[in-house]
Each structure stands twice: as C-alpha cells, then as structure tokens.
Amino acid sequence: MALSSKCPKCENTSFELAEVSIKGAKFKNYFIRCFSCGTVVGTTPYHNTATILKKICDKLGIRFDL
C-alpha cells in the first residue's frame, strides 16, 4: 500500500508550488502548500541550484555529475 502525504490542517492530499518573496531573503522561493486550504508544508528555492551549477561547470569545462 502506497502512502500519500496529507495536509496537517485539512488532510487534503493535493499540493501546489506558489512563488513567494520572503521579507529579508535575497532570492525568491516557492512555498509547497496545500491546494485546498493553502497551509504551507515546505519551501524550496526558486532556482534549481544543481542546474545552474551544471551550466557554470559546462562553461568552465569542468565535469559535473548529477
């Protein structure tokens, strides 16, 4: 039986990313929040850091394995 994540407030199982600017933060972030009630359950960086690092390494001719 597969487990599904549930919102801690309403127990919904659907989530969404919402772009946010956090006061005092230098970069934008995404909130991972409940699709139904909007309760925030996590955050993630706006930019994919690994992808940006790979592009830099490619330009510098450095091998980068993800």
Protein backbone atom coordinates (compact mmCIF):
# COMPACT_ATOMS: atom_id res chain seq x y z
CA MET A 1 0.00 0.00 0.00
CA ALA A 2 1.43 3.34 -1.04
CA LEU A 3 1.43 6.14 1.48
CA SER A 4 0.26 9.59 0.44
CA SER A 5 1.19 12.87 2.05
CA LYS A 6 -1.61 14.74 3.79
CA CYS A 7 -2.04 18.37 4.77
CA PRO A 8 -1.64 18.67 8.55
CA LYS A 9 -4.63 21.02 8.73
CA CYS A 10 -7.30 19.63 6.39
CA GLU A 11 -5.84 16.24 5.40
CA ASN A 12 -6.11 17.04 1.68
CA THR A 13 -3.61 15.12 -0.50
CA SER A 14 -3.09 17.68 -3.31
CA PHE A 15 -0.30 20.26 -3.13
CA GLU A 16 0.97 23.13 -5.27
CA LEU A 17 4.01 25.38 -5.69
CA ALA A 18 3.46 29.07 -5.04
CA GLU A 19 6.15 31.62 -5.92
CA VAL A 20 6.87 33.93 -2.98
CA SER A 21 9.21 36.72 -1.99
CA ILE A 22 10.13 36.34 1.67
CA LYS A 23 10.92 39.54 3.57
CA GLY A 24 14.66 39.73 4.21
CA ALA A 25 15.51 36.93 1.75
CA LYS A 26 17.82 37.74 -1.16
CA PHE A 27 16.17 35.27 -3.53
CA LYS A 28 12.64 34.19 -4.40
CA ASN A 29 11.37 30.87 -3.09
CA TYR A 30 8.50 28.52 -3.66
CA PHE A 31 6.09 27.52 -0.93
CA ILE A 32 4.82 23.98 -1.14
CA ARG A 33 1.30 24.39 0.10
CA CYS A 34 -1.98 22.56 0.35
CA PHE A 35 -4.05 23.02 -2.79
CA SER A 36 -7.24 23.11 -0.75
CA CYS A 37 -6.57 25.33 2.28
CA GLY A 38 -3.20 26.95 1.46
CA THR A 39 -1.34 25.67 4.55
CA VAL A 40 2.41 25.82 3.86
CA VAL A 41 4.11 22.46 4.36
CA GLY A 42 7.56 23.30 2.97
CA THR A 43 9.75 25.59 0.91
CA THR A 44 12.14 25.10 -1.97
CA PRO A 45 14.46 27.50 -3.83
CA TYR A 46 13.02 29.32 -6.83
CA HIS A 47 16.03 28.42 -8.96
CA ASN A 48 17.24 24.86 -9.44
CA THR A 49 20.72 25.19 -7.93
CA ALA A 50 22.05 21.94 -9.43
CA THR A 51 21.06 23.02 -12.96
CA ILE A 52 22.73 26.41 -12.56
CA LEU A 53 25.90 24.79 -11.18
CA LYS A 54 25.99 22.33 -14.11
CA LYS A 55 25.72 25.19 -16.62
CA ILE A 56 28.62 27.00 -14.91
CA CYS A 57 30.74 23.83 -14.91
CA ASP A 58 29.98 23.24 -18.60
CA LYS A 59 31.15 26.76 -19.47
CA LEU A 60 34.33 26.24 -17.44
CA GLY A 61 34.95 22.80 -18.94
CA ILE A 62 34.63 21.08 -15.56
CA ARG A 63 32.93 17.67 -15.28
CA PHE A 64 29.87 17.74 -13.03
CA ASP A 65 27.87 14.57 -12.41
CA LEU A 66 24.37 14.99 -11.06
